[in-house]
Amino acid sequence: MKMLNRIPVELIFWITALVLLAAAAPVKHGYIHHFTLCPLANMGFDWCPGCGIGRAITQLFHGNIRESLEQHWFGIPALMIIGHRIIELVNRRIINNRKLKYKEKRYV
């Protein structure tokens, strides 16, 4: 449990979001009704930039590049930015652990 407290919340959020998007079924907007937290979708609007990026990333995880670009052109860059941020957070955590171990060795 102590180890979970050391992991940044942002890292847990991004990894969870990508896992959920990868596990989602790749469907176009409006074909099926499902539960959503999106206020625009719940008000009946067909267009939402956030939902479009999510659907585009889901299509990418299923290998459908053309459908991803049809959903939202920013899906590919968004996935690259989120992936870069995850790598950056993991590297920062590793560097901090090394610094902490080095300090502990100096005090012993």
PDB file of N, CA and C in Angstrom:
ATOM      1  N   MET A   1       0.823  -1.197   0.000  1.00  0.00           N
ATOM      2  CA  MET A   1       0.000   0.000   0.000  1.00  0.00           C
ATOM      3  C   MET A   1       0.862   1.254   0.000  1.00  0.00           C
ATOM      4  N   LYS A   2       2.037   1.174   0.668  1.00  0.00           N
ATOM      5  CA  LYS A   2       2.916   2.334   0.696  1.00  0.00           C
ATOM      6  C   LYS A   2       3.396   2.701  -0.699  1.00  0.00           C
ATOM      7  N   MET A   3       3.623   1.682  -1.522  1.00  0.00           N
ATOM      8  CA  MET A   3       4.123   1.924  -2.871  1.00  0.00           C
ATOM      9  C   MET A   3       3.081   2.660  -3.711  1.00  0.00           C
ATOM     10  N   LEU A   4       1.795   2.335  -3.525  1.00  0.00           N
ATOM     11  CA  LEU A   4       0.741   3.014  -4.273  1.00  0.00           C
ATOM     12  C   LEU A   4       0.677   4.494  -3.928  1.00  0.00           C
ATOM     13  N   ASN A   5       0.989   4.847  -2.685  1.00  0.00           N
ATOM     14  CA  ASN A   5       0.979   6.256  -2.284  1.00  0.00           C
ATOM     15  C   ASN A   5       2.095   7.040  -2.949  1.00  0.00           C
ATOM     16  N   ARG A   6       3.154   6.362  -3.358  1.00  0.00           N
ATOM     17  CA  ARG A   6       4.285   7.045  -3.998  1.00  0.00           C
ATOM     18  C   ARG A   6       4.052   7.300  -5.483  1.00  0.00           C
ATOM     19  N   ILE A   7       3.101   6.580  -6.096  1.00  0.00           N
ATOM     20  CA  ILE A   7       2.837   6.756  -7.521  1.00  0.00           C
ATOM     21  C   ILE A   7       2.002   8.018  -7.716  1.00  0.00           C
ATOM     22  N   PRO A   8       2.412   8.916  -8.615  1.00  0.00           N
ATOM     23  CA  PRO A   8       1.644  10.149  -8.841  1.00  0.00           C
ATOM     24  C   PRO A   8       0.227   9.843  -9.334  1.00  0.00           C
ATOM     25  N   VAL A   9      -0.723  10.621  -8.846  1.00  0.00           N
ATOM     26  CA  VAL A   9      -2.130  10.445  -9.221  1.00  0.00           C
ATOM     27  C   VAL A   9      -2.310  10.645 -10.726  1.00  0.00           C
ATOM     28  N   GLU A  10      -1.559  11.591 -11.285  1.00  0.00           N
ATOM     29  CA  GLU A  10      -1.664  11.859 -12.717  1.00  0.00           C
ATOM     30  C   GLU A  10      -1.280  10.629 -13.539  1.00  0.00           C
ATOM     31  N   LEU A  11      -0.233   9.922 -13.101  1.00  0.00           N
ATOM     32  CA  LEU A  11       0.196   8.711 -13.810  1.00  0.00           C
ATOM     33  C   LEU A  11      -0.902   7.645 -13.752  1.00  0.00           C
ATOM     34  N   ILE A  12      -1.495   7.454 -12.592  1.00  0.00           N
ATOM     35  CA  ILE A  12      -2.581   6.479 -12.447  1.00  0.00           C
ATOM     36  C   ILE A  12      -3.759   6.879 -13.335  1.00  0.00           C
ATOM     37  N   PHE A  13      -4.073   8.186 -13.383  1.00  0.00           N
ATOM     38  CA  PHE A  13      -5.191   8.669 -14.195  1.00  0.00           C
ATOM     39  C   PHE A  13      -4.975   8.377 -15.673  1.00  0.00           C
ATOM     40  N   TRP A  14      -3.789   8.723 -16.201  1.00  0.00           N
ATOM     41  CA  TRP A  14      -3.530   8.551 -17.638  1.00  0.00           C
ATOM     42  C   TRP A  14      -3.503   7.083 -18.034  1.00  0.00           C
ATOM     43  N   ILE A  15      -2.864   6.254 -17.210  1.00  0.00           N
ATOM     44  CA  ILE A  15      -2.802   4.823 -17.543  1.00  0.00           C
ATOM     45  C   ILE A  15      -4.200   4.207 -17.491  1.00  0.00           C
ATOM     46  N   THR A  16      -4.980   4.559 -16.478  1.00  0.00           N
ATOM     47  CA  THR A  16      -6.349   4.047 -16.374  1.00  0.00           C
ATOM     48  C   THR A  16      -7.185   4.498 -17.571  1.00  0.00           C
ATOM     49  N   ALA A  17      -7.038   5.755 -17.955  1.00  0.00           N
ATOM     50  CA  ALA A  17      -7.807   6.274 -19.091  1.00  0.00           C
ATOM     51  C   ALA A  17      -7.459   5.535 -20.378  1.00  0.00           C
ATOM     52  N   LEU A  18      -6.172   5.304 -20.620  1.00  0.00           N
ATOM     53  CA  LEU A  18      -5.777   4.604 -21.839  1.00  0.00           C
ATOM     54  C   LEU A  18      -6.225   3.148 -21.830  1.00  0.00           C
ATOM     55  N   VAL A  19      -6.169   2.502 -20.667  1.00  0.00           N
ATOM     56  CA  VAL A  19      -6.628   1.107 -20.580  1.00  0.00           C
ATOM     57  C   VAL A  19      -8.128   1.033 -20.861  1.00  0.00           C
ATOM     58  N   LEU A  20      -8.895   1.968 -20.301  1.00  0.00           N
ATOM     59  CA  LEU A  20     -10.340   1.970 -20.538  1.00  0.00           C
ATOM     60  C   LEU A  20     -10.670   2.263 -22.004  1.00  0.00           C
ATOM     61  N   LEU A  21      -9.927   3.191 -22.629  1.00  0.00           N
ATOM     62  CA  LEU A  21     -10.155   3.472 -24.048  1.00  0.00           C
ATOM     63  C   LEU A  21      -9.766   2.287 -24.922  1.00  0.00           C
ATOM     64  N   ALA A  22      -8.718   1.575 -24.530  1.00  0.00           N
ATOM     65  CA  ALA A  22      -8.312   0.399 -25.304  1.00  0.00           C
ATOM     66  C   ALA A  22      -9.324  -0.734 -25.158  1.00  0.00           C
ATOM     67  N   ALA A  23      -9.966  -0.820 -23.999  1.00  0.00           N
ATOM     68  CA  ALA A  23     -10.931  -1.900 -23.757  1.00  0.00           C
ATOM     69  C   ALA A  23     -12.306  -1.589 -24.344  1.00  0.00           C
ATOM     70  N   ALA A  24     -12.560  -0.331 -24.692  1.00  0.00           N
ATOM     71  CA  ALA A  24     -13.874   0.058 -25.213  1.00  0.00           C
ATOM     72  C   ALA A  24     -14.062  -0.465 -26.637  1.00  0.00           C
ATOM     73  N   ALA A  25     -15.329  -0.682 -26.989  1.00  0.00           N
ATOM     74  CA  ALA A  25     -15.654  -1.123 -28.354  1.00  0.00           C
ATOM     75  C   ALA A  25     -15.581   0.074 -29.295  1.00  0.00           C
ATOM     76  N   PRO A  26     -14.924  -0.081 -30.445  1.00  0.00           N
ATOM     77  CA  PRO A  26     -14.805   1.046 -31.378  1.00  0.00           C
ATOM     78  C   PRO A  26     -16.086   1.223 -32.192  1.00  0.00           C
ATOM     79  N   VAL A  27     -16.893   2.192 -31.806  1.00  0.00           N
ATOM     80  CA  VAL A  27     -18.139   2.465 -32.525  1.00  0.00           C
ATOM     81  C   VAL A  27     -18.197   3.945 -32.865  1.00  0.00           C
ATOM     82  N   LYS A  28     -18.942   4.262 -33.909  1.00  0.00           N
ATOM     83  CA  LYS A  28     -19.143   5.661 -34.264  1.00  0.00           C
ATOM     84  C   LYS A  28     -20.190   6.269 -33.359  1.00  0.00           C
ATOM     85  N   HIS A  29     -20.130   7.592 -33.229  1.00  0.00           N
ATOM     86  CA  HIS A  29     -21.059   8.296 -32.364  1.00  0.00           C
ATOM     87  C   HIS A  29     -22.485   8.153 -32.883  1.00  0.00           C
ATOM     88  N   GLY A  30     -23.411   7.883 -31.984  1.00  0.00           N
ATOM     89  CA  GLY A  30     -24.810   7.821 -32.337  1.00  0.00           C
ATOM     90  C   GLY A  30     -25.314   6.441 -32.729  1.00  0.00           C
ATOM     91  N   TYR A  31     -24.427   5.453 -32.883  1.00  0.00           N
ATOM     92  CA  TYR A  31     -24.865   4.114 -33.269  1.00  0.00           C
ATOM     93  C   TYR A  31     -25.460   3.348 -32.091  1.00  0.00           C
ATOM     94  N   ILE A  32     -24.885   3.516 -30.922  1.00  0.00           N
ATOM     95  CA  ILE A  32     -25.444   2.875 -29.741  1.00  0.00           C
ATOM     96  C   ILE A  32     -25.524   3.906 -28.626  1.00  0.00           C
ATOM     97  N   HIS A  33     -26.456   3.710 -27.720  1.00  0.00           N
ATOM     98  CA  HIS A  33     -26.564   4.572 -26.552  1.00  0.00           C
ATOM     99  C   HIS A  33     -25.902   3.866 -25.383  1.00  0.00           C
ATOM    100  N   HIS A  34     -25.040   4.571 -24.722  1.00  0.00           N
ATOM    101  CA  HIS A  34     -24.346   4.007 -23.568  1.00  0.00           C
ATOM    102  C   HIS A  34     -24.207   5.093 -22.518  1.00  0.00           C
ATOM    103  N   PHE A  35     -23.830   4.671 -21.327  1.00  0.00           N
ATOM    104  CA  PHE A  35     -23.622   5.621 -20.247  1.00  0.00           C
ATOM    105  C   PHE A  35     -22.420   6.498 -20.558  1.00  0.00           C
ATOM    106  N   THR A  36     -22.554   7.783 -20.322  1.00  0.00           N
ATOM    107  CA  THR A  36     -21.441   8.699 -20.536  1.00  0.00           C
ATOM    108  C   THR A  36     -21.467   9.800 -19.481  1.00  0.00           C
ATOM    109  N   LEU A  37     -20.283  10.307 -19.169  1.00  0.00           N
ATOM    110  CA  LEU A  37     -20.167  11.435 -18.239  1.00  0.00           C
ATOM    111  C   LEU A  37     -20.174  12.767 -18.982  1.00  0.00           C
ATOM    112  N   CYS A  38     -20.173  12.723 -20.301  1.00  0.00           N
ATOM    113  CA  CYS A  38     -20.104  13.934 -21.117  1.00  0.00           C
ATOM    114  C   CYS A  38     -21.405  14.732 -20.982  1.00  0.00           C
ATOM    115  N   PRO A  39     -21.324  15.986 -20.529  1.00  0.00           N
ATOM    116  CA  PRO A  39     -22.547  16.786 -20.399  1.00  0.00           C
ATOM    117  C   PRO A  39     -23.178  17.116 -21.746  1.00  0.00           C
ATOM    118  N   LEU A  40     -22.370  17.309 -22.795  1.00  0.00           N
ATOM    119  CA  LEU A  40     -22.933  17.608 -24.120  1.00  0.00           C
ATOM    120  C   LEU A  40     -23.712  16.421 -24.675  1.00  0.00           C
ATOM    121  N   ALA A  41     -23.161  15.216 -24.541  1.00  0.00           N
ATOM    122  CA  ALA A  41     -23.858  14.022 -25.029  1.00  0.00           C
ATOM    123  C   ALA A  41     -25.144  13.789 -24.245  1.00  0.00           C
ATOM    124  N   ASN A  42     -25.107  14.045 -22.934  1.00  0.00           N
ATOM    125  CA  ASN A  42     -26.304  13.851 -22.116  1.00  0.00           C
ATOM    126  C   ASN A  42     -27.386  14.885 -22.426  1.00  0.00           C
ATOM    127  N   MET A  43     -26.981  16.050 -22.969  1.00  0.00           N
ATOM    128  CA  MET A  43     -27.967  17.060 -23.365  1.00  0.00           C
ATOM    129  C   MET A  43     -28.482  16.826 -24.780  1.00  0.00           C
ATOM    130  N   GLY A  44     -27.940  15.831 -25.474  1.00  0.00           N
ATOM    131  CA  GLY A  44     -28.443  15.474 -26.795  1.00  0.00           C
ATOM    132  C   GLY A  44     -27.643  16.018 -27.961  1.00  0.00           C
ATOM    133  N   PHE A  45     -26.515  16.687 -27.690  1.00  0.00           N
ATOM    134  CA  PHE A  45     -25.686  17.192 -28.784  1.00  0.00           C
ATOM    135  C   PHE A  45     -24.905  16.046 -29.413  1.00  0.00           C
ATOM    136  N   ASP A  46     -24.790  16.070 -30.729  1.00  0.00           N
ATOM    137  CA  ASP A  46     -24.053  15.023 -31.427  1.00  0.00           C
ATOM    138  C   ASP A  46     -22.556  15.293 -31.465  1.00  0.00           C
ATOM    139  N   TRP A  47     -22.137  16.535 -31.308  1.00  0.00           N
ATOM    140  CA  TRP A  47     -20.736  16.880 -31.461  1.00  0.00           C
ATOM    141  C   TRP A  47     -20.122  17.245 -30.114  1.00  0.00           C
ATOM    142  N   CYS A  48     -19.005  16.650 -29.787  1.00  0.00           N
ATOM    143  CA  CYS A  48     -18.234  16.998 -28.588  1.00  0.00           C
ATOM    144  C   CYS A  48     -16.769  16.721 -28.913  1.00  0.00           C
ATOM    145  N   PRO A  49     -15.890  17.704 -28.775  1.00  0.00           N
ATOM    146  CA  PRO A  49     -14.483  17.480 -29.121  1.00  0.00           C
ATOM    147  C   PRO A  49     -13.809  16.452 -28.220  1.00  0.00           C
ATOM    148  N   GLY A  50     -14.159  16.423 -26.950  1.00  0.00           N
ATOM    149  CA  GLY A  50     -13.548  15.459 -26.030  1.00  0.00           C
ATOM    150  C   GLY A  50     -13.946  14.036 -26.348  1.00  0.00           C
ATOM    151  N   CYS A  51     -15.230  13.825 -26.628  1.00  0.00           N
ATOM    152  CA  CYS A  51     -15.705  12.480 -26.976  1.00  0.00           C
ATOM    153  C   CYS A  51     -15.084  12.028 -28.288  1.00  0.00           C
ATOM    154  N   GLY A  52     -14.937  12.939 -29.229  1.00  0.00           N
ATOM    155  CA  GLY A  52     -14.340  12.597 -30.519  1.00  0.00           C
ATOM    156  C   GLY A  52     -12.905  12.133 -30.363  1.00  0.00           C
ATOM    157  N   ILE A  53     -12.141  12.793 -29.499  1.00  0.00           N
ATOM    158  CA  ILE A  53     -10.757  12.376 -29.272  1.00  0.00           C
ATOM    159  C   ILE A  53     -10.727  11.009 -28.602  1.00  0.00           C
ATOM    160  N   GLY A  54     -11.630  10.780 -27.655  1.00  0.00           N
ATOM    161  CA  GLY A  54     -11.690   9.473 -27.001  1.00  0.00           C
ATOM    162  C   GLY A  54     -12.020   8.360 -27.990  1.00  0.00           C
ATOM    163  N   ARG A  55     -13.007   8.612 -28.844  1.00  0.00           N
ATOM    164  CA  ARG A  55     -13.357   7.604 -29.855  1.00  0.00           C
ATOM    165  C   ARG A  55     -12.210   7.405 -30.849  1.00  0.00           C
ATOM    166  N   ALA A  56     -11.501   8.491 -31.188  1.00  0.00           N
ATOM    167  CA  ALA A  56     -10.366   8.384 -32.111  1.00  0.00           C
ATOM    168  C   ALA A  56      -9.250   7.533 -31.503  1.00  0.00           C
ATOM    169  N   ILE A  57      -8.982   7.715 -30.219  1.00  0.00           N
ATOM    170  CA  ILE A  57      -7.944   6.913 -29.553  1.00  0.00           C
ATOM    171  C   ILE A  57      -8.382   5.450 -29.470  1.00  0.00           C
ATOM    172  N   THR A  58      -9.665   5.211 -29.203  1.00  0.00           N
ATOM    173  CA  THR A  58     -10.164   3.831 -29.183  1.00  0.00           C
ATOM    174  C   THR A  58      -9.983   3.169 -30.547  1.00  0.00           C
ATOM    175  N   GLN A  59     -10.299   3.911 -31.612  1.00  0.00           N
ATOM    176  CA  GLN A  59     -10.104   3.365 -32.957  1.00  0.00           C
ATOM    177  C   GLN A  59      -8.626   3.055 -33.213  1.00  0.00           C
ATOM    178  N   LEU A  60      -7.727   3.919 -32.736  1.00  0.00           N
ATOM    179  CA  LEU A  60      -6.295   3.666 -32.906  1.00  0.00           C
ATOM    180  C   LEU A  60      -5.870   2.387 -32.212  1.00  0.00           C
ATOM    181  N   PHE A  61      -6.363   2.174 -30.994  1.00  0.00           N
ATOM    182  CA  PHE A  61      -5.991   0.961 -30.255  1.00  0.00           C
ATOM    183  C   PHE A  61      -6.478  -0.298 -30.966  1.00  0.00           C
ATOM    184  N   HIS A  62      -7.512  -0.170 -31.786  1.00  0.00           N
ATOM    185  CA  HIS A  62      -8.013  -1.320 -32.524  1.00  0.00           C
ATOM    186  C   HIS A  62      -7.458  -1.375 -33.945  1.00  0.00           C
ATOM    187  N   GLY A  63      -6.490  -0.497 -34.244  1.00  0.00           N
ATOM    188  CA  GLY A  63      -5.803  -0.542 -35.533  1.00  0.00           C
ATOM    189  C   GLY A  63      -6.544   0.128 -36.675  1.00  0.00           C
ATOM    190  N   ASN A  64      -7.575   0.903 -36.389  1.00  0.00           N
ATOM    191  CA  ASN A  64      -8.376   1.556 -37.425  1.00  0.00           C
ATOM    192  C   ASN A  64      -7.945   3.022 -37.568  1.00  0.00           C
ATOM    193  N   ILE A  65      -6.906   3.253 -38.338  1.00  0.00           N
ATOM    194  CA  ILE A  65      -6.351   4.601 -38.453  1.00  0.00           C
ATOM    195  C   ILE A  65      -7.296   5.520 -39.222  1.00  0.00           C
ATOM    196  N   ARG A  66      -7.872   5.034 -40.312  1.00  0.00           N
ATOM    197  CA  ARG A  66      -8.783   5.865 -41.108  1.00  0.00           C
ATOM    198  C   ARG A  66     -10.004   6.288 -40.274  1.00  0.00           C
ATOM    199  N   GLU A  67     -10.592   5.346 -39.551  1.00  0.00           N
ATOM    200  CA  GLU A  67     -11.752   5.672 -38.711  1.00  0.00           C
ATOM    201  C   GLU A  67     -11.363   6.626 -37.590  1.00  0.00           C
ATOM    202  N   SER A  68     -10.133   6.472 -37.086  1.00  0.00           N
ATOM    203  CA  SER A  68      -9.651   7.377 -36.046  1.00  0.00           C
ATOM    204  C   SER A  68      -9.579   8.804 -36.573  1.00  0.00           C
ATOM    205  N   LEU A  69      -9.053   8.973 -37.782  1.00  0.00           N
ATOM    206  CA  LEU A  69      -8.968  10.309 -38.375  1.00  0.00           C
ATOM    207  C   LEU A  69     -10.358  10.869 -38.675  1.00  0.00           C
ATOM    208  N   GLU A  70     -11.308   9.990 -39.004  1.00  0.00           N
ATOM    209  CA  GLU A  70     -12.676  10.456 -39.239  1.00  0.00           C
ATOM    210  C   GLU A  70     -13.340  10.940 -37.949  1.00  0.00           C
ATOM    211  N   GLN A  71     -13.023  10.273 -36.831  1.00  0.00           N
ATOM    212  CA  GLN A  71     -13.607  10.673 -35.549  1.00  0.00           C
ATOM    213  C   GLN A  71     -13.064  12.031 -35.097  1.00  0.00           C
ATOM    214  N   HIS A  72     -11.739  12.164 -35.122  1.00  0.00           N
ATOM    215  CA  HIS A  72     -11.099  13.431 -34.725  1.00  0.00           C
ATOM    216  C   HIS A  72      -9.655  13.392 -35.200  1.00  0.00           C
ATOM    217  N   TRP A  73      -9.226  14.447 -35.880  1.00  0.00           N
ATOM    218  CA  TRP A  73      -7.866  14.479 -36.423  1.00  0.00           C
ATOM    219  C   TRP A  73      -6.817  14.548 -35.316  1.00  0.00           C
ATOM    220  N   PHE A  74      -7.193  14.965 -34.110  1.00  0.00           N
ATOM    221  CA  PHE A  74      -6.218  15.134 -33.031  1.00  0.00           C
ATOM    222  C   PHE A  74      -6.031  13.857 -32.213  1.00  0.00           C
ATOM    223  N   GLY A  75      -6.654  12.743 -32.590  1.00  0.00           N
ATOM    224  CA  GLY A  75      -6.519  11.499 -31.828  1.00  0.00           C
ATOM    225  C   GLY A  75      -5.093  10.982 -31.780  1.00  0.00           C
ATOM    226  N   ILE A  76      -4.420  10.970 -32.931  1.00  0.00           N
ATOM    227  CA  ILE A  76      -3.039  10.464 -32.985  1.00  0.00           C
ATOM    228  C   ILE A  76      -2.099  11.366 -32.184  1.00  0.00           C
ATOM    229  N   PRO A  77      -2.125  12.697 -32.402  1.00  0.00           N
ATOM    230  CA  PRO A  77      -1.253  13.539 -31.569  1.00  0.00           C
ATOM    231  C   PRO A  77      -1.598  13.453 -30.079  1.00  0.00           C
ATOM    232  N   ALA A  78      -2.874  13.338 -29.754  1.00  0.00           N
ATOM    233  CA  ALA A  78      -3.260  13.245 -28.338  1.00  0.00           C
ATOM    234  C   ALA A  78      -2.693  11.985 -27.706  1.00  0.00           C
ATOM    235  N   LEU A  79      -2.762  10.866 -28.426  1.00  0.00           N
ATOM    236  CA  LEU A  79      -2.199   9.614 -27.884  1.00  0.00           C
ATOM    237  C   LEU A  79      -0.689   9.733 -27.709  1.00  0.00           C
ATOM    238  N   MET A  80      -0.011  10.409 -28.659  1.00  0.00           N
ATOM    239  CA  MET A  80       1.432  10.589 -28.535  1.00  0.00           C
ATOM    240  C   MET A  80       1.771  11.496 -27.351  1.00  0.00           C
ATOM    241  N   ILE A  81       0.998  12.551 -27.150  1.00  0.00           N
ATOM    242  CA  ILE A  81       1.248  13.466 -26.028  1.00  0.00           C
ATOM    243  C   ILE A  81       1.021  12.752 -24.696  1.00  0.00           C
ATOM    244  N   ILE A  82      -0.062  11.982 -24.602  1.00  0.00           N
ATOM    245  CA  ILE A  82      -0.344  11.261 -23.355  1.00  0.00           C
ATOM    246  C   ILE A  82       0.738  10.205 -23.100  1.00  0.00           C
ATOM    247  N   GLY A  83       1.166   9.500 -24.156  1.00  0.00           N
ATOM    248  CA  GLY A  83       2.241   8.519 -24.000  1.00  0.00           C
ATOM    249  C   GLY A  83       3.532   9.161 -23.540  1.00  0.00           C
ATOM    250  N   HIS A  84       3.853  10.320 -24.108  1.00  0.00           N
ATOM    251  CA  HIS A  84       5.056  11.051 -23.685  1.00  0.00           C
ATOM    252  C   HIS A  84       4.961  11.469 -22.221  1.00  0.00           C
ATOM    253  N   ARG A  85       3.789  11.915 -21.819  1.00  0.00           N
ATOM    254  CA  ARG A  85       3.598  12.340 -20.423  1.00  0.00           C
ATOM    255  C   ARG A  85       3.749  11.155 -19.461  1.00  0.00           C
ATOM    256  N   ILE A  86       3.228   9.985 -19.859  1.00  0.00           N
ATOM    257  CA  ILE A  86       3.368   8.793 -19.017  1.00  0.00           C
ATOM    258  C   ILE A  86       4.845   8.430 -18.872  1.00  0.00           C
ATOM    259  N   ILE A  87       5.579   8.443 -19.981  1.00  0.00           N
ATOM    260  CA  ILE A  87       7.011   8.121 -19.926  1.00  0.00           C
ATOM    261  C   ILE A  87       7.757   9.129 -19.052  1.00  0.00           C
ATOM    262  N   GLU A  88       7.405  10.405 -19.197  1.00  0.00           N
ATOM    263  CA  GLU A  88       8.040  11.452 -18.399  1.00  0.00           C
ATOM    264  C   GLU A  88       7.777  11.250 -16.899  1.00  0.00           C
ATOM    265  N   LEU A  89       6.544  10.908 -16.535  1.00  0.00           N
ATOM    266  CA  LEU A  89       6.214  10.693 -15.124  1.00  0.00           C
ATOM    267  C   LEU A  89       6.929   9.469 -14.556  1.00  0.00           C
ATOM    268  N   VAL A  90       7.033   8.405 -15.354  1.00  0.00           N
ATOM    269  CA  VAL A  90       7.733   7.201 -14.899  1.00  0.00           C
ATOM    270  C   VAL A  90       9.219   7.505 -14.726  1.00  0.00           C
ATOM    271  N   ASN A  91       9.831   8.206 -15.697  1.00  0.00           N
ATOM    272  CA  ASN A  91      11.249   8.559 -15.588  1.00  0.00           C
ATOM    273  C   ASN A  91      11.512   9.444 -14.376  1.00  0.00           C
ATOM    274  N   ARG A  92      10.620  10.410 -14.139  1.00  0.00           N
ATOM    275  CA  ARG A  92      10.778  11.289 -12.977  1.00  0.00           C
ATOM    276  C   ARG A  92      10.731  10.484 -11.685  1.00  0.00           C
ATOM    277  N   ARG A  93       9.843   9.504 -11.638  1.00  0.00           N
ATOM    278  CA  ARG A  93       9.715   8.667 -10.441  1.00  0.00           C
ATOM    279  C   ARG A  93      10.966   7.833 -10.235  1.00  0.00           C
ATOM    280  N   ILE A  94      11.521   7.289 -11.332  1.00  0.00           N
ATOM    281  CA  ILE A  94      12.732   6.474 -11.236  1.00  0.00           C
ATOM    282  C   ILE A  94      13.904   7.331 -10.774  1.00  0.00           C
ATOM    283  N   ILE A  95      14.033   8.532 -11.332  1.00  0.00           N
ATOM    284  CA  ILE A  95      15.135   9.423 -10.937  1.00  0.00           C
ATOM    285  C   ILE A  95      15.015   9.816  -9.470  1.00  0.00           C
ATOM    286  N   ASN A  96      13.801  10.108  -9.016  1.00  0.00           N
ATOM    287  CA  ASN A  96      13.598  10.459  -7.614  1.00  0.00           C
ATOM    288  C   ASN A  96      13.948   9.301  -6.696  1.00  0.00           C
ATOM    289  N   ASN A  97      13.624   8.070  -7.093  1.00  0.00           N
ATOM    290  CA  ASN A  97      13.982   6.903  -6.278  1.00  0.00           C
ATOM    291  C   ASN A  97      15.490   6.748  -6.184  1.00  0.00           C
ATOM    292  N   ARG A  98      16.201   6.979  -7.310  1.00  0.00           N
ATOM    293  CA  ARG A  98      17.665   6.868  -7.289  1.00  0.00           C
ATOM    294  C   ARG A  98      18.279   7.923  -6.382  1.00  0.00           C
ATOM    295  N   LYS A  99      17.756   9.154  -6.444  1.00  0.00           N
ATOM    296  CA  LYS A  99      18.275  10.221  -5.579  1.00  0.00           C
ATOM    297  C   LYS A  99      18.042   9.885  -4.119  1.00  0.00           C
ATOM    298  N   LEU A 100      16.868   9.331  -3.811  1.00  0.00           N
ATOM    299  CA  LEU A 100      16.535   8.977  -2.437  1.00  0.00           C
ATOM    300  C   LEU A 100      17.457   7.881  -1.923  1.00  0.00           C
ATOM    301  N   LYS A 101      17.739   6.874  -2.754  1.00  0.00           N
ATOM    302  CA  LYS A 101      18.645   5.799  -2.350  1.00  0.00           C
ATOM    303  C   LYS A 101      20.057   6.333  -2.146  1.00  0.00           C
ATOM    304  N   TYR A 102      20.489   7.266  -3.007  1.00  0.00           N
ATOM    305  CA  TYR A 102      21.818   7.852  -2.874  1.00  0.00           C
ATOM    306  C   TYR A 102      21.922   8.632  -1.570  1.00  0.00           C
ATOM    307  N   LYS A 103      20.887   9.391  -1.230  1.00  0.00           N
ATOM    308  CA  LYS A 103      20.904  10.144   0.025  1.00  0.00           C
ATOM    309  C   LYS A 103      20.924   9.213   1.214  1.00  0.00           C
ATOM    310  N   GLU A 104      20.157   8.114   1.152  1.00  0.00           N
ATOM    311  CA  GLU A 104      20.123   7.157   2.259  1.00  0.00           C
ATOM    312  C   GLU A 104      21.504   6.535   2.473  1.00  0.00           C
ATOM    313  N   LYS A 105      22.226   6.239   1.379  1.00  0.00           N
ATOM    314  CA  LYS A 105      23.561   5.650   1.506  1.00  0.00           C
ATOM    315  C   LYS A 105      24.526   6.635   2.144  1.00  0.00           C
ATOM    316  N   ARG A 106      24.366   7.924   1.838  1.00  0.00           N
ATOM    317  CA  ARG A 106      25.275   8.932   2.394  1.00  0.00           C
ATOM    318  C   ARG A 106      25.072   9.109   3.884  1.00  0.00           C
ATOM    319  N   TYR A 107      23.861   8.919   4.386  1.00  0.00           N
ATOM    320  CA  TYR A 107      23.581   9.125   5.803  1.00  0.00           C
ATOM    321  C   TYR A 107      23.902   7.904   6.652  1.00  0.00           C
ATOM    322  N   VAL A 108      24.047   6.744   6.019  1.00  0.00           N
ATOM    323  CA  VAL A 108      24.317   5.521   6.800  1.00  0.00           C
ATOM    324  C   VAL A 108      25.784   5.375   7.050  1.00  0.00           C
TER     325      VAL A 108
END
